[in-house]
N, C-alpha and C. Protein backbone atom coordinates (compact mmCIF):
# COMPACT_ATOMS: atom_id res chain seq x y z
N MET A 1 282.48 64.15 198.63
CA MET A 1 283.05 64.73 197.44
C MET A 1 281.97 64.96 196.38
N LEU A 2 281.25 63.91 196.03
CA LEU A 2 280.19 64.03 195.04
C LEU A 2 279.08 64.93 195.56
N GLY A 3 278.80 64.84 196.85
CA GLY A 3 277.76 65.68 197.46
C GLY A 3 278.10 67.15 197.36
N GLU A 4 279.37 67.47 197.58
CA GLU A 4 279.80 68.87 197.49
C GLU A 4 279.66 69.40 196.06
N ILE A 5 280.10 68.61 195.10
CA ILE A 5 280.01 69.01 193.70
C ILE A 5 278.56 69.17 193.28
N LEU A 6 277.74 68.21 193.67
CA LEU A 6 276.32 68.26 193.34
C LEU A 6 275.65 69.45 194.02
N GLY A 7 276.01 69.68 195.28
CA GLY A 7 275.45 70.82 196.01
C GLY A 7 275.82 72.14 195.37
N GLU A 8 277.08 72.28 194.95
CA GLU A 8 277.50 73.51 194.29
C GLU A 8 276.80 73.69 192.95
N ALA A 9 276.67 72.61 192.20
CA ALA A 9 276.01 72.69 190.90
C ALA A 9 274.55 73.10 191.05
N ILE A 10 273.87 72.48 192.00
CA ILE A 10 272.46 72.82 192.24
C ILE A 10 272.34 74.25 192.73
N GLY A 11 273.24 74.66 193.61
CA GLY A 11 273.24 76.03 194.11
C GLY A 11 273.43 77.04 192.99
N GLU A 12 274.37 76.77 192.09
CA GLU A 12 274.61 77.68 190.99
C GLU A 12 273.44 77.72 190.02
N ILE A 13 272.80 76.58 189.82
CA ILE A 13 271.63 76.54 188.94
C ILE A 13 270.50 77.36 189.54
N VAL A 14 270.27 77.20 190.83
CA VAL A 14 269.18 77.94 191.49
C VAL A 14 269.48 79.43 191.50
N ILE A 15 270.71 79.80 191.86
CA ILE A 15 271.08 81.21 191.89
C ILE A 15 271.01 81.80 190.49
N GLY A 16 271.48 81.05 189.49
CA GLY A 16 271.40 81.51 188.11
C GLY A 16 269.97 81.71 187.65
N ALA A 17 269.08 80.81 188.04
CA ALA A 17 267.68 80.93 187.65
C ALA A 17 267.03 82.14 188.32
N VAL A 18 267.34 82.36 189.58
CA VAL A 18 266.79 83.51 190.29
C VAL A 18 267.31 84.81 189.66
N TRP A 19 268.61 84.84 189.32
CA TRP A 19 269.20 86.02 188.71
C TRP A 19 268.57 86.30 187.34
N ARG A 20 268.39 85.26 186.51
CA ARG A 20 267.77 85.45 185.20
C ARG A 20 266.32 85.92 185.36
N CYS A 21 265.63 85.41 186.35
CA CYS A 21 264.26 85.85 186.63
C CYS A 21 264.24 87.33 187.01
N PHE A 22 265.19 87.74 187.84
CA PHE A 22 265.31 89.15 188.23
C PHE A 22 265.56 90.02 187.00
N LEU A 23 266.48 89.60 186.13
CA LEU A 23 266.79 90.37 184.93
C LEU A 23 265.59 90.45 183.99
N THR A 24 264.86 89.35 183.88
CA THR A 24 263.67 89.33 183.02
C THR A 24 262.61 90.30 183.53
N ILE A 25 262.37 90.26 184.82
CA ILE A 25 261.37 91.17 185.42
C ILE A 25 261.82 92.62 185.28
N THR A 26 263.11 92.87 185.51
CA THR A 26 263.65 94.22 185.37
C THR A 26 263.50 94.72 183.93
N GLY A 27 263.84 93.88 182.97
CA GLY A 27 263.70 94.25 181.56
C GLY A 27 262.26 94.52 181.17
N PHE A 28 261.36 93.69 181.64
CA PHE A 28 259.93 93.86 181.35
C PHE A 28 259.43 95.19 181.91
N ILE A 29 259.74 95.46 183.17
CA ILE A 29 259.29 96.70 183.81
C ILE A 29 259.90 97.91 183.12
N TYR A 30 261.18 97.83 182.78
CA TYR A 30 261.85 98.94 182.11
C TYR A 30 261.21 99.23 180.76
N LEU A 31 261.04 98.21 179.93
CA LEU A 31 260.51 98.43 178.59
C LEU A 31 259.07 98.95 178.62
N TYR A 32 258.22 98.36 179.44
CA TYR A 32 256.84 98.82 179.49
C TYR A 32 256.73 100.15 180.21
N GLY A 33 257.62 100.42 181.15
CA GLY A 33 257.62 101.73 181.81
C GLY A 33 258.09 102.84 180.89
N ARG A 34 258.99 102.51 180.00
CA ARG A 34 259.53 103.54 179.10
C ARG A 34 258.69 103.73 177.85
N TYR A 35 258.21 102.65 177.23
CA TYR A 35 257.55 102.76 175.94
C TYR A 35 256.03 102.62 175.99
N TRP A 36 255.47 102.07 177.01
CA TRP A 36 254.03 101.96 177.27
C TRP A 36 253.26 101.12 176.26
N GLN A 37 253.48 101.28 174.99
CA GLN A 37 252.69 100.59 173.97
C GLN A 37 253.28 99.21 173.70
N PRO A 38 252.46 98.16 173.82
CA PRO A 38 252.97 96.80 173.60
C PRO A 38 253.61 96.60 172.23
N GLN A 39 253.06 97.24 171.19
CA GLN A 39 253.64 97.09 169.86
C GLN A 39 255.04 97.70 169.82
N ARG A 40 255.20 98.86 170.41
CA ARG A 40 256.50 99.54 170.45
C ARG A 40 257.50 98.73 171.28
N VAL A 41 257.03 98.17 172.39
CA VAL A 41 257.89 97.35 173.24
C VAL A 41 258.40 96.14 172.45
N GLN A 42 257.52 95.49 171.70
CA GLN A 42 257.94 94.32 170.92
C GLN A 42 258.96 94.69 169.85
N ILE A 43 258.78 95.84 169.22
CA ILE A 43 259.73 96.28 168.20
C ILE A 43 261.10 96.53 168.83
N ILE A 44 261.13 97.26 169.92
CA ILE A 44 262.39 97.57 170.61
C ILE A 44 263.03 96.28 171.13
N LEU A 45 262.22 95.40 171.68
CA LEU A 45 262.73 94.14 172.22
C LEU A 45 263.41 93.31 171.14
N ILE A 46 262.81 93.23 169.98
CA ILE A 46 263.38 92.45 168.88
C ILE A 46 264.61 93.14 168.30
N GLU A 47 264.54 94.45 168.07
CA GLU A 47 265.63 95.17 167.42
C GLU A 47 266.87 95.33 168.30
N GLN A 48 266.67 95.63 169.57
CA GLN A 48 267.81 95.99 170.42
C GLN A 48 268.24 94.91 171.41
N TYR A 49 267.33 94.04 171.79
CA TYR A 49 267.64 93.11 172.88
C TYR A 49 267.49 91.64 172.51
N GLY A 50 267.49 91.34 171.23
CA GLY A 50 267.45 89.94 170.80
C GLY A 50 266.20 89.19 171.24
N ASN A 51 265.08 89.91 171.36
CA ASN A 51 263.80 89.33 171.73
C ASN A 51 263.82 88.66 173.11
N ARG A 52 264.64 89.21 174.02
CA ARG A 52 264.71 88.65 175.37
C ARG A 52 264.64 89.77 176.41
N TYR A 53 263.69 89.66 177.31
CA TYR A 53 263.57 90.64 178.38
C TYR A 53 264.79 90.60 179.30
N ALA A 54 265.40 89.44 179.44
CA ALA A 54 266.58 89.32 180.29
C ALA A 54 267.73 90.16 179.75
N ASN A 55 267.87 90.25 178.43
CA ASN A 55 268.91 91.10 177.84
C ASN A 55 268.65 92.57 178.14
N ALA A 56 267.40 92.98 178.07
CA ALA A 56 267.05 94.36 178.41
C ALA A 56 267.32 94.63 179.89
N GLY A 57 266.96 93.67 180.73
CA GLY A 57 267.23 93.82 182.16
C GLY A 57 268.70 93.88 182.47
N GLU A 58 269.48 93.09 181.75
CA GLU A 58 270.94 93.11 181.94
C GLU A 58 271.52 94.46 181.54
N ALA A 59 271.04 95.03 180.44
CA ALA A 59 271.52 96.34 180.00
C ALA A 59 271.17 97.42 181.02
N VAL A 60 269.96 97.37 181.52
CA VAL A 60 269.52 98.36 182.52
C VAL A 60 270.31 98.20 183.81
N THR A 61 270.49 96.97 184.25
CA THR A 61 271.23 96.71 185.49
C THR A 61 272.68 97.14 185.35
N THR A 62 273.29 96.88 184.21
CA THR A 62 274.67 97.29 183.98
C THR A 62 274.81 98.80 184.02
N LYS A 63 273.91 99.50 183.34
CA LYS A 63 273.95 100.97 183.35
C LYS A 63 273.76 101.52 184.76
N LEU A 64 272.84 100.92 185.49
CA LEU A 64 272.59 101.35 186.86
C LEU A 64 273.82 101.15 187.74
N MET A 65 274.48 100.02 187.61
CA MET A 65 275.69 99.76 188.39
C MET A 65 276.82 100.72 188.01
N GLN A 66 276.93 101.06 186.74
CA GLN A 66 277.94 102.02 186.32
C GLN A 66 277.66 103.40 186.92
N ILE A 67 276.42 103.81 186.89
CA ILE A 67 276.05 105.11 187.48
C ILE A 67 276.33 105.11 188.97
N LEU A 68 275.95 104.04 189.67
CA LEU A 68 276.20 103.97 191.11
C LEU A 68 277.69 103.96 191.42
N GLY A 69 278.49 103.30 190.59
CA GLY A 69 279.94 103.29 190.78
C GLY A 69 280.54 104.67 190.63
N VAL A 70 280.12 105.40 189.61
CA VAL A 70 280.62 106.76 189.41
C VAL A 70 280.20 107.66 190.57
N LEU A 71 278.95 107.54 190.99
CA LEU A 71 278.48 108.34 192.12
C LEU A 71 279.26 108.02 193.40
N LEU A 72 279.55 106.75 193.61
CA LEU A 72 280.33 106.36 194.79
C LEU A 72 281.73 106.96 194.73
N LEU A 73 282.37 106.87 193.57
CA LEU A 73 283.71 107.45 193.42
C LEU A 73 283.70 108.97 193.61
N LEU A 74 282.70 109.64 193.05
CA LEU A 74 282.59 111.08 193.23
C LEU A 74 282.36 111.44 194.69
N THR A 75 281.51 110.68 195.36
CA THR A 75 281.24 110.91 196.77
C THR A 75 282.51 110.74 197.61
N LEU A 76 283.25 109.69 197.34
CA LEU A 76 284.50 109.47 198.08
C LEU A 76 285.51 110.58 197.78
N TRP A 77 285.64 110.96 196.54
CA TRP A 77 286.58 112.00 196.13
C TRP A 77 286.24 113.33 196.79
N ILE A 78 284.96 113.71 196.73
CA ILE A 78 284.53 114.96 197.34
C ILE A 78 284.64 114.87 198.86
N GLY A 79 284.29 113.73 199.43
CA GLY A 79 284.40 113.55 200.88
C GLY A 79 285.81 113.69 201.37
N VAL A 80 286.76 113.09 200.67
CA VAL A 80 288.16 113.20 201.07
C VAL A 80 288.63 114.65 200.95
N ALA A 81 288.23 115.34 199.90
CA ALA A 81 288.61 116.74 199.72
C ALA A 81 288.03 117.61 200.83
N VAL A 82 286.76 117.38 201.17
CA VAL A 82 286.13 118.17 202.23
C VAL A 82 286.79 117.87 203.58
N LEU A 83 287.05 116.60 203.87
CA LEU A 83 287.69 116.28 205.14
C LEU A 83 289.10 116.86 205.22
N GLY A 84 289.82 116.85 204.11
CA GLY A 84 291.14 117.46 204.08
C GLY A 84 291.06 118.96 204.31
N TRP A 85 290.04 119.59 203.76
CA TRP A 85 289.86 121.02 203.92
C TRP A 85 289.47 121.35 205.37
N ILE A 86 288.64 120.52 205.98
CA ILE A 86 288.19 120.75 207.37
C ILE A 86 289.36 120.61 208.35
N HIS A 87 290.23 119.66 208.12
CA HIS A 87 291.33 119.39 209.07
C HIS A 87 292.50 120.35 208.91
N ARG A 88 292.46 121.28 207.97
CA ARG A 88 293.56 122.24 207.81
C ARG A 88 293.44 123.36 208.75
């Protein structure tokens, strides 16, 4: 019982740390890829993302997932329409 709880807690901590690391790296790459100048990156980071690269990475990841979701829905919608048209 205690082993299971401890195992789950450690697992969530490790997964959470890996996820935050991914978001931090994503935010860093995004900001420096978009703005190039370290001074500009620091200004944007402080003003828009609370001085945290993980927040920038989370914003980028969220936008990317939204775009992929819309593209998936459009693909399914168009695919169903095309298949319906083909089978007529």
